Amino acid sequence: MKNILLVLLLAGSFLSSQVAAKSNSLHQAIAGNQRSAEHKQRDKYRHPRQTLEFFEVKDNMTVVEVWPGEGWYTEILAPYLKDHGKLYAAHFSADADQPYFKKNLHAFVEKIKSRPKVYGKVELTVLQPPKFLQIAPEASADRVLTFRNVHNWMKSDQAAAVFNAMYKALKPGGILGVVEHRNSTLKSQDPKAESGYVTEDYVIALARNAGFEFLGKTEINANSKDTKDYPEGVWTLPPALKLEDKDRKKYLAIGESDRMTIKFIKPR
């Protein structure tokens, strides 16, 4: 009997250590020196640990980060996944018409090249609808994540195409995680999302039309101070601060935008 109890205790201790190791690896990725001080300062608004835990991202998964921009989340996902998982970064096309896309992609590629031990296993793919829509091999991803991009796809009338592409990349049972600037339910949704804000219902409809099922949402990235009625839309707030010094203290006091955080599942 004593031997059985000892085995059970050792097994419990091993499982606890495994859970702690996984938690620590995400904590270490978030705290790591590969992240800039400027990016770490935004954690209070973006809550990366809680967000990735809500999306159920594990370090042995295949993950697609859609339109990673300058790589704010890539700085966390790349080291977290590099030993046991896989990260695809679905970025702009090098042949994009808009200079912003080319400049942003160039900066991202330079970041990847700058620290091969951290980013060397990141695989770049292209998302530039309507021409380039294969963000990863079909049905290969455990998770597809997109942070504050839906309004951009709406502006170019490509939101439906991108949601279809994300659905196609996921394995059955895979999860799509969406963070987006949240519009008021009292306002009718502009289909072009010129303000940068999108209603939860609109995002849910886009996902369901692509075949996803709603899985859940959380308020971890909410901001009740955000009134969503600014001269330059969401870009009036930090970090963009499009009005520069005009009412700067006011907008800094509000902080970054109110954001929905929603997850969907691709049915098995």
C-alpha atoms as a PDB file:
ATOM      1  CA  MET A   1       0.000   0.000   0.000  1.00  0.00           C
ATOM      2  CA  LYS A   2       2.843   2.375   0.867  1.00  0.00           C
ATOM      3  CA  ASN A   3       4.461   1.659  -2.490  1.00  0.00           C
ATOM      4  CA  ILE A   4       1.214   2.468  -4.318  1.00  0.00           C
ATOM      5  CA  LEU A   5       0.856   5.750  -2.433  1.00  0.00           C
ATOM      6  CA  LEU A   6       4.467   6.640  -3.233  1.00  0.00           C
ATOM      7  CA  VAL A   7       3.899   5.981  -6.940  1.00  0.00           C
ATOM      8  CA  LEU A   8       0.747   8.142  -6.907  1.00  0.00           C
ATOM      9  CA  LEU A   9       2.562  10.962  -5.127  1.00  0.00           C
ATOM     10  CA  LEU A  10       5.457  10.828  -7.589  1.00  0.00           C
ATOM     11  CA  ALA A  11       3.054  10.806 -10.534  1.00  0.00           C
ATOM     12  CA  GLY A  12       1.194  13.804  -9.134  1.00  0.00           C
ATOM     13  CA  SER A  13       4.453  15.639  -8.563  1.00  0.00           C
ATOM     14  CA  PHE A  14       5.557  14.908 -12.157  1.00  0.00           C
ATOM     15  CA  LEU A  15       2.280  16.187 -13.622  1.00  0.00           C
ATOM     16  CA  SER A  16       2.458  19.323 -11.485  1.00  0.00           C
ATOM     17  CA  SER A  17       6.013  19.974 -12.636  1.00  0.00           C
ATOM     18  CA  GLN A  18       4.962  19.525 -16.274  1.00  0.00           C
ATOM     19  CA  VAL A  19       2.117  22.047 -15.891  1.00  0.00           C
ATOM     20  CA  ALA A  20       4.458  24.480 -14.133  1.00  0.00           C
ATOM     21  CA  ALA A  21       7.067  24.087 -16.895  1.00  0.00           C
ATOM     22  CA  LYS A  22       4.541  24.932 -19.604  1.00  0.00           C
ATOM     23  CA  SER A  23       3.305  27.938 -17.620  1.00  0.00           C
ATOM     24  CA  ASN A  24       6.878  29.064 -17.025  1.00  0.00           C
ATOM     25  CA  SER A  25       7.795  28.777 -20.701  1.00  0.00           C
ATOM     26  CA  LEU A  26       5.019  31.199 -21.652  1.00  0.00           C
ATOM     27  CA  HIS A  27       5.987  33.469 -18.755  1.00  0.00           C
ATOM     28  CA  GLN A  28       9.621  33.318 -19.879  1.00  0.00           C
ATOM     29  CA  ALA A  29       8.684  34.175 -23.459  1.00  0.00           C
ATOM     30  CA  ILE A  30       6.707  37.200 -22.270  1.00  0.00           C
ATOM     31  CA  ALA A  31       9.475  38.333 -19.914  1.00  0.00           C
ATOM     32  CA  GLY A  32      12.314  37.597 -22.358  1.00  0.00           C
ATOM     33  CA  ASN A  33      14.831  40.166 -23.566  1.00  0.00           C
ATOM     34  CA  GLN A  34      13.837  39.549 -27.203  1.00  0.00           C
ATOM     35  CA  ARG A  35      10.871  41.823 -26.472  1.00  0.00           C
ATOM     36  CA  SER A  36      11.438  45.568 -26.607  1.00  0.00           C
ATOM     37  CA  ALA A  37      10.755  47.677 -23.523  1.00  0.00           C
ATOM     38  CA  GLU A  38       8.193  49.610 -25.566  1.00  0.00           C
ATOM     39  CA  HIS A  39       6.300  46.425 -26.355  1.00  0.00           C
ATOM     40  CA  LYS A  40       6.373  45.232 -22.756  1.00  0.00           C
ATOM     41  CA  GLN A  41       4.829  48.527 -21.658  1.00  0.00           C
ATOM     42  CA  ARG A  42       1.736  47.643 -23.688  1.00  0.00           C
ATOM     43  CA  ASP A  43       1.137  44.397 -21.784  1.00  0.00           C
ATOM     44  CA  LYS A  44      -1.218  46.228 -19.419  1.00  0.00           C
ATOM     45  CA  TYR A  45      -3.542  46.838 -22.375  1.00  0.00           C
ATOM     46  CA  ARG A  46      -2.956  43.699 -24.428  1.00  0.00           C
ATOM     47  CA  HIS A  47      -2.665  41.066 -21.653  1.00  0.00           C
ATOM     48  CA  PRO A  48      -0.657  38.548 -23.696  1.00  0.00           C
ATOM     49  CA  ARG A  49      -0.545  35.755 -21.114  1.00  0.00           C
ATOM     50  CA  GLN A  50      -4.269  35.808 -20.394  1.00  0.00           C
ATOM     51  CA  THR A  51      -5.083  36.196 -24.091  1.00  0.00           C
ATOM     52  CA  LEU A  52      -2.961  33.259 -25.253  1.00  0.00           C
ATOM     53  CA  GLU A  53      -4.217  31.114 -22.382  1.00  0.00           C
ATOM     54  CA  PHE A  54      -7.810  31.958 -23.322  1.00  0.00           C
ATOM     55  CA  PHE A  55      -7.043  30.885 -26.906  1.00  0.00           C
ATOM     56  CA  GLU A  56      -5.611  27.661 -25.400  1.00  0.00           C
ATOM     57  CA  VAL A  57      -2.261  28.000 -27.151  1.00  0.00           C
ATOM     58  CA  LYS A  58       0.189  25.269 -26.108  1.00  0.00           C
ATOM     59  CA  ASP A  59       3.902  25.166 -26.861  1.00  0.00           C
ATOM     60  CA  ASN A  60       3.647  22.004 -28.998  1.00  0.00           C
ATOM     61  CA  MET A  61       1.053  23.405 -31.407  1.00  0.00           C
ATOM     62  CA  THR A  62       1.148  24.627 -34.981  1.00  0.00           C
ATOM     63  CA  VAL A  63       0.058  28.266 -34.842  1.00  0.00           C
ATOM     64  CA  VAL A  64      -0.601  30.811 -37.593  1.00  0.00           C
ATOM     65  CA  GLU A  65      -0.269  34.471 -36.675  1.00  0.00           C
ATOM     66  CA  VAL A  66      -2.181  36.464 -39.290  1.00  0.00           C
ATOM     67  CA  TRP A  67      -0.799  39.849 -40.335  1.00  0.00           C
ATOM     68  CA  PRO A  68       1.709  40.100 -37.465  1.00  0.00           C
ATOM     69  CA  GLY A  69       2.662  43.699 -38.315  1.00  0.00           C
ATOM     70  CA  GLU A  70       5.945  44.591 -36.660  1.00  0.00           C
ATOM     71  CA  GLY A  71       5.841  41.393 -34.630  1.00  0.00           C
ATOM     72  CA  TRP A  72       4.457  42.373 -31.233  1.00  0.00           C
ATOM     73  CA  TYR A  73       2.987  38.927 -30.643  1.00  0.00           C
ATOM     74  CA  THR A  74       5.675  37.203 -32.721  1.00  0.00           C
ATOM     75  CA  GLU A  75       8.187  38.223 -30.048  1.00  0.00           C
ATOM     76  CA  ILE A  76       6.225  35.986 -27.656  1.00  0.00           C
ATOM     77  CA  LEU A  77       4.977  33.204 -29.924  1.00  0.00           C
ATOM     78  CA  ALA A  78       8.288  32.474 -31.671  1.00  0.00           C
ATOM     79  CA  PRO A  79      10.312  31.567 -28.553  1.00  0.00           C
ATOM     80  CA  TYR A  80       7.299  29.871 -26.954  1.00  0.00           C
ATOM     81  CA  LEU A  81       6.786  27.527 -29.918  1.00  0.00           C
ATOM     82  CA  LYS A  82      10.316  27.087 -31.286  1.00  0.00           C
ATOM     83  CA  ASP A  83      11.291  23.887 -29.408  1.00  0.00           C
ATOM     84  CA  HIS A  84       8.119  21.811 -29.695  1.00  0.00           C
ATOM     85  CA  GLY A  85       5.703  23.651 -32.005  1.00  0.00           C
ATOM     86  CA  LYS A  86       5.541  25.579 -35.263  1.00  0.00           C
ATOM     87  CA  LEU A  87       4.804  29.235 -36.056  1.00  0.00           C
ATOM     88  CA  TYR A  88       3.625  30.511 -39.420  1.00  0.00           C
ATOM     89  CA  ALA A  89       3.619  34.289 -39.845  1.00  0.00           C
ATOM     90  CA  ALA A  90       1.139  35.181 -42.597  1.00  0.00           C
ATOM     91  CA  HIS A  91       2.407  38.601 -43.631  1.00  0.00           C
ATOM     92  CA  PHE A  92       2.000  41.018 -46.527  1.00  0.00           C
ATOM     93  CA  SER A  93       3.187  40.247 -50.034  1.00  0.00           C
ATOM     94  CA  ALA A  94       6.547  41.636 -51.150  1.00  0.00           C
ATOM     95  CA  ASP A  95       4.744  42.634 -54.351  1.00  0.00           C
ATOM     96  CA  ALA A  96       2.015  44.616 -52.558  1.00  0.00           C
ATOM     97  CA  ASP A  97       0.973  47.875 -54.174  1.00  0.00           C
ATOM     98  CA  GLN A  98       0.900  49.932 -50.973  1.00  0.00           C
ATOM     99  CA  PRO A  99       4.271  51.205 -49.686  1.00  0.00           C
ATOM    100  CA  TYR A 100       3.098  50.655 -46.094  1.00  0.00           C
ATOM    101  CA  PHE A 101       2.770  46.911 -46.714  1.00  0.00           C
ATOM    102  CA  LYS A 102       6.261  46.662 -48.218  1.00  0.00           C
ATOM    103  CA  LYS A 103       7.836  48.751 -45.451  1.00  0.00           C
ATOM    104  CA  ASN A 104       6.091  46.753 -42.723  1.00  0.00           C
ATOM    105  CA  LEU A 105       7.074  43.412 -44.254  1.00  0.00           C
ATOM    106  CA  HIS A 106      10.694  44.563 -44.641  1.00  0.00           C
ATOM    107  CA  ALA A 107      10.864  45.578 -40.971  1.00  0.00           C
ATOM    108  CA  PHE A 108       9.385  42.244 -39.916  1.00  0.00           C
ATOM    109  CA  VAL A 109      11.850  40.249 -42.040  1.00  0.00           C
ATOM    110  CA  GLU A 110      14.754  42.238 -40.587  1.00  0.00           C
ATOM    111  CA  LYS A 111      13.490  41.438 -37.092  1.00  0.00           C
ATOM    112  CA  ILE A 112      13.356  37.726 -37.934  1.00  0.00           C
ATOM    113  CA  LYS A 113      16.880  37.802 -39.351  1.00  0.00           C
ATOM    114  CA  SER A 114      18.279  39.750 -36.405  1.00  0.00           C
ATOM    115  CA  ARG A 115      17.865  36.933 -33.862  1.00  0.00           C
ATOM    116  CA  PRO A 116      18.020  33.532 -35.556  1.00  0.00           C
ATOM    117  CA  LYS A 117      18.087  31.659 -32.237  1.00  0.00           C
ATOM    118  CA  VAL A 118      14.704  33.176 -31.382  1.00  0.00           C
ATOM    119  CA  TYR A 119      13.024  33.542 -34.780  1.00  0.00           C
ATOM    120  CA  GLY A 120      14.939  31.092 -36.971  1.00  0.00           C
ATOM    121  CA  LYS A 121      12.093  28.567 -37.110  1.00  0.00           C
ATOM    122  CA  VAL A 122       9.360  31.070 -38.003  1.00  0.00           C
ATOM    123  CA  GLU A 123       7.994  30.333 -41.476  1.00  0.00           C
ATOM    124  CA  LEU A 124       6.722  33.276 -43.501  1.00  0.00           C
ATOM    125  CA  THR A 125       3.617  32.836 -45.627  1.00  0.00           C
ATOM    126  CA  VAL A 126       1.627  35.433 -47.561  1.00  0.00           C
ATOM    127  CA  LEU A 127      -1.834  36.828 -46.938  1.00  0.00           C
ATOM    128  CA  GLN A 128      -2.675  39.498 -49.484  1.00  0.00           C
ATOM    129  CA  PRO A 129      -6.291  39.032 -50.539  1.00  0.00           C
ATOM    130  CA  PRO A 130      -7.714  38.362 -53.003  1.00  0.00           C
ATOM    131  CA  LYS A 131      -4.570  36.965 -54.685  1.00  0.00           C
ATOM    132  CA  PHE A 132      -2.705  35.253 -51.828  1.00  0.00           C
ATOM    133  CA  LEU A 133      -4.835  33.347 -49.323  1.00  0.00           C
ATOM    134  CA  GLN A 134      -2.894  30.218 -48.322  1.00  0.00           C
ATOM    135  CA  ILE A 135      -1.672  31.168 -44.859  1.00  0.00           C
ATOM    136  CA  ALA A 136      -0.538  27.609 -44.043  1.00  0.00           C
ATOM    137  CA  PRO A 137      -0.942  24.125 -45.522  1.00  0.00           C
ATOM    138  CA  GLU A 138      -4.595  23.102 -45.550  1.00  0.00           C
ATOM    139  CA  ALA A 139      -5.870  21.649 -42.249  1.00  0.00           C
ATOM    140  CA  SER A 140      -2.404  21.917 -40.641  1.00  0.00           C
ATOM    141  CA  ALA A 141      -2.910  24.482 -37.865  1.00  0.00           C
ATOM    142  CA  ASP A 142      -4.061  23.949 -34.298  1.00  0.00           C
ATOM    143  CA  ARG A 143      -4.567  27.675 -33.803  1.00  0.00           C
ATOM    144  CA  VAL A 144      -5.000  30.707 -36.041  1.00  0.00           C
ATOM    145  CA  LEU A 145      -4.639  34.043 -34.261  1.00  0.00           C
ATOM    146  CA  THR A 146      -5.369  37.559 -35.469  1.00  0.00           C
ATOM    147  CA  PHE A 147      -4.933  40.733 -33.458  1.00  0.00           C
ATOM    148  CA  ARG A 148      -6.760  43.941 -34.520  1.00  0.00           C
ATOM    149  CA  ASN A 149      -6.947  43.151 -38.233  1.00  0.00           C
ATOM    150  CA  VAL A 150     -10.603  42.517 -39.054  1.00  0.00           C
ATOM    151  CA  HIS A 151     -11.314  46.206 -39.734  1.00  0.00           C
ATOM    152  CA  ASN A 152      -8.519  46.252 -42.342  1.00  0.00           C
ATOM    153  CA  TRP A 153     -10.055  43.352 -44.244  1.00  0.00           C
ATOM    154  CA  MET A 154     -13.470  44.981 -44.074  1.00  0.00           C
ATOM    155  CA  LYS A 155     -12.067  48.182 -45.534  1.00  0.00           C
ATOM    156  CA  SER A 156     -10.868  46.282 -48.604  1.00  0.00           C
ATOM    157  CA  ASP A 157     -13.991  44.086 -48.848  1.00  0.00           C
ATOM    158  CA  GLN A 158     -11.894  40.991 -48.151  1.00  0.00           C
ATOM    159  CA  ALA A 159     -13.058  39.967 -44.675  1.00  0.00           C
ATOM    160  CA  ALA A 160     -15.118  37.001 -45.881  1.00  0.00           C
ATOM    161  CA  ALA A 161     -12.231  35.729 -48.018  1.00  0.00           C
ATOM    162  CA  VAL A 162      -9.788  35.931 -45.093  1.00  0.00           C
ATOM    163  CA  PHE A 163     -12.123  34.142 -42.681  1.00  0.00           C
ATOM    164  CA  ASN A 164     -12.498  31.394 -45.277  1.00  0.00           C
ATOM    165  CA  ALA A 165      -8.706  31.183 -45.569  1.00  0.00           C
ATOM    166  CA  MET A 166      -8.319  30.913 -41.789  1.00  0.00           C
ATOM    167  CA  TYR A 167     -10.965  28.186 -41.688  1.00  0.00           C
ATOM    168  CA  LYS A 168      -9.167  26.266 -44.438  1.00  0.00           C
ATOM    169  CA  ALA A 169      -5.808  26.402 -42.606  1.00  0.00           C
ATOM    170  CA  LEU A 170      -7.173  25.008 -39.350  1.00  0.00           C
ATOM    171  CA  LYS A 171      -7.450  21.357 -38.462  1.00  0.00           C
ATOM    172  CA  PRO A 172     -10.947  20.138 -37.548  1.00  0.00           C
ATOM    173  CA  GLY A 173     -11.230  21.005 -33.853  1.00  0.00           C
ATOM    174  CA  GLY A 174      -8.749  23.856 -34.265  1.00  0.00           C
ATOM    175  CA  ILE A 175      -9.413  27.263 -32.721  1.00  0.00           C
ATOM    176  CA  LEU A 176      -9.495  30.720 -34.279  1.00  0.00           C
ATOM    177  CA  GLY A 177      -8.651  33.508 -31.825  1.00  0.00           C
ATOM    178  CA  VAL A 178      -9.726  37.058 -32.665  1.00  0.00           C
ATOM    179  CA  VAL A 179      -8.891  40.318 -30.908  1.00  0.00           C
ATOM    180  CA  GLU A 180     -10.446  43.440 -32.443  1.00  0.00           C
ATOM    181  CA  HIS A 181     -11.365  47.018 -31.555  1.00  0.00           C
ATOM    182  CA  ARG A 182     -14.948  46.711 -30.280  1.00  0.00           C
ATOM    183  CA  ASN A 183     -17.681  48.959 -31.588  1.00  0.00           C
ATOM    184  CA  SER A 184     -20.734  49.934 -29.565  1.00  0.00           C
ATOM    185  CA  THR A 185     -23.809  47.764 -30.036  1.00  0.00           C
ATOM    186  CA  LEU A 186     -25.824  51.003 -30.195  1.00  0.00           C
ATOM    187  CA  LYS A 187     -24.171  51.949 -33.485  1.00  0.00           C
ATOM    188  CA  SER A 188     -24.911  50.399 -36.860  1.00  0.00           C
ATOM    189  CA  GLN A 189     -21.778  48.797 -38.234  1.00  0.00           C
ATOM    190  CA  ASP A 190     -20.071  50.585 -41.094  1.00  0.00           C
ATOM    191  CA  PRO A 191     -19.216  47.726 -43.515  1.00  0.00           C
ATOM    192  CA  LYS A 192     -15.924  49.482 -44.277  1.00  0.00           C
ATOM    193  CA  ALA A 193     -15.104  49.964 -40.569  1.00  0.00           C
ATOM    194  CA  GLU A 194     -13.573  53.373 -41.301  1.00  0.00           C
ATOM    195  CA  SER A 195     -13.345  54.165 -37.575  1.00  0.00           C
ATOM    196  CA  GLY A 196     -11.409  50.959 -36.904  1.00  0.00           C
ATOM    197  CA  TYR A 197     -14.173  49.662 -34.624  1.00  0.00           C
ATOM    198  CA  VAL A 198     -16.204  46.508 -35.321  1.00  0.00           C
ATOM    199  CA  THR A 199     -19.146  45.058 -33.415  1.00  0.00           C
ATOM    200  CA  GLU A 200     -18.875  41.619 -31.870  1.00  0.00           C
ATOM    201  CA  ASP A 201     -21.987  40.521 -33.760  1.00  0.00           C
ATOM    202  CA  TYR A 202     -20.355  41.442 -37.071  1.00  0.00           C
ATOM    203  CA  VAL A 203     -17.229  39.397 -36.288  1.00  0.00           C
ATOM    204  CA  ILE A 204     -19.303  36.462 -35.098  1.00  0.00           C
ATOM    205  CA  ALA A 205     -21.342  36.581 -38.313  1.00  0.00           C
ATOM    206  CA  LEU A 206     -18.159  36.618 -40.431  1.00  0.00           C
ATOM    207  CA  ALA A 207     -16.839  33.580 -38.571  1.00  0.00           C
ATOM    208  CA  ARG A 208     -20.107  31.647 -38.746  1.00  0.00           C
ATOM    209  CA  ASN A 209     -20.471  32.366 -42.460  1.00  0.00           C
ATOM    210  CA  ALA A 210     -17.045  30.771 -42.953  1.00  0.00           C
ATOM    211  CA  GLY A 211     -18.154  27.648 -41.077  1.00  0.00           C
ATOM    212  CA  PHE A 212     -16.873  28.361 -37.568  1.00  0.00           C
ATOM    213  CA  GLU A 213     -18.819  27.771 -34.370  1.00  0.00           C
ATOM    214  CA  PHE A 214     -18.708  30.325 -31.555  1.00  0.00           C
ATOM    215  CA  LEU A 215     -16.727  28.941 -28.626  1.00  0.00           C
ATOM    216  CA  GLY A 216     -16.494  31.755 -26.094  1.00  0.00           C
ATOM    217  CA  LYS A 217     -15.377  35.278 -25.266  1.00  0.00           C
ATOM    218  CA  THR A 218     -13.649  37.110 -22.441  1.00  0.00           C
ATOM    219  CA  GLU A 219     -13.394  40.697 -21.202  1.00  0.00           C
ATOM    220  CA  ILE A 220      -9.648  40.589 -20.476  1.00  0.00           C
ATOM    221  CA  ASN A 221      -8.940  43.235 -23.142  1.00  0.00           C
ATOM    222  CA  ALA A 222     -11.932  45.457 -22.378  1.00  0.00           C
ATOM    223  CA  ASN A 223     -11.572  49.179 -21.643  1.00  0.00           C
ATOM    224  CA  SER A 224     -14.677  50.897 -20.281  1.00  0.00           C
ATOM    225  CA  LYS A 225     -13.031  54.331 -20.692  1.00  0.00           C
ATOM    226  CA  ASP A 226     -13.107  54.027 -24.482  1.00  0.00           C
ATOM    227  CA  THR A 227     -16.065  56.076 -25.775  1.00  0.00           C
ATOM    228  CA  LYS A 228     -15.368  55.156 -29.446  1.00  0.00           C
ATOM    229  CA  ASP A 229     -16.292  58.583 -30.823  1.00  0.00           C
ATOM    230  CA  TYR A 230     -13.014  60.262 -31.748  1.00  0.00           C
ATOM    231  CA  PRO A 231     -12.002  62.574 -34.625  1.00  0.00           C
ATOM    232  CA  GLU A 232      -9.520  60.053 -36.053  1.00  0.00           C
ATOM    233  CA  GLY A 233     -11.357  56.919 -35.020  1.00  0.00           C
ATOM    234  CA  VAL A 234      -9.519  54.352 -32.935  1.00  0.00           C
ATOM    235  CA  TRP A 235      -6.186  55.813 -34.079  1.00  0.00           C
ATOM    236  CA  THR A 236      -6.890  58.888 -31.908  1.00  0.00           C
ATOM    237  CA  LEU A 237      -5.991  56.695 -28.921  1.00  0.00           C
ATOM    238  CA  PRO A 238      -2.546  55.352 -28.063  1.00  0.00           C
ATOM    239  CA  PRO A 239      -0.358  53.988 -29.401  1.00  0.00           C
ATOM    240  CA  ALA A 240      -1.135  55.853 -32.668  1.00  0.00           C
ATOM    241  CA  LEU A 241      -2.195  59.204 -31.132  1.00  0.00           C
ATOM    242  CA  LYS A 242      -3.029  60.625 -34.560  1.00  0.00           C
ATOM    243  CA  LEU A 243      -3.850  64.063 -33.103  1.00  0.00           C
ATOM    244  CA  GLU A 244      -0.290  64.204 -31.717  1.00  0.00           C
ATOM    245  CA  ASP A 245      -0.177  66.844 -28.950  1.00  0.00           C
ATOM    246  CA  LYS A 246      -3.847  67.883 -29.160  1.00  0.00           C
ATOM    247  CA  ASP A 247      -5.642  66.527 -26.066  1.00  0.00           C
ATOM    248  CA  ARG A 248      -2.750  64.119 -25.634  1.00  0.00           C
ATOM    249  CA  LYS A 249      -3.175  63.749 -21.862  1.00  0.00           C
ATOM    250  CA  LYS A 250      -6.876  63.034 -22.320  1.00  0.00           C
ATOM    251  CA  TYR A 251      -6.265  60.183 -24.750  1.00  0.00           C
ATOM    252  CA  LEU A 252      -3.353  58.775 -22.783  1.00  0.00           C
ATOM    253  CA  ALA A 253      -5.642  58.673 -19.742  1.00  0.00           C
ATOM    254  CA  ILE A 254      -8.184  56.652 -21.721  1.00  0.00           C
ATOM    255  CA  GLY A 255      -5.507  54.205 -22.850  1.00  0.00           C
ATOM    256  CA  GLU A 256      -5.708  51.760 -25.713  1.00  0.00           C
ATOM    257  CA  SER A 257      -9.024  50.736 -27.272  1.00  0.00           C
ATOM    258  CA  ASP A 258     -11.772  48.578 -25.859  1.00  0.00           C
ATOM    259  CA  ARG A 259     -11.255  45.165 -27.469  1.00  0.00           C
ATOM    260  CA  MET A 260     -13.303  42.050 -27.977  1.00  0.00           C
ATOM    261  CA  THR A 261     -11.484  38.754 -27.426  1.00  0.00           C
ATOM    262  CA  ILE A 262     -13.375  35.875 -29.019  1.00  0.00           C
ATOM    263  CA  LYS A 263     -12.578  32.287 -29.948  1.00  0.00           C
ATOM    264  CA  PHE A 264     -14.221  30.058 -32.525  1.00  0.00           C
ATOM    265  CA  ILE A 265     -13.804  26.380 -33.356  1.00  0.00           C
ATOM    266  CA  LYS A 266     -13.681  24.575 -36.677  1.00  0.00           C
ATOM    267  CA  PRO A 267     -16.129  21.671 -36.236  1.00  0.00           C
ATOM    268  CA  ARG A 268     -14.746  18.135 -36.339  1.00  0.00           C
END
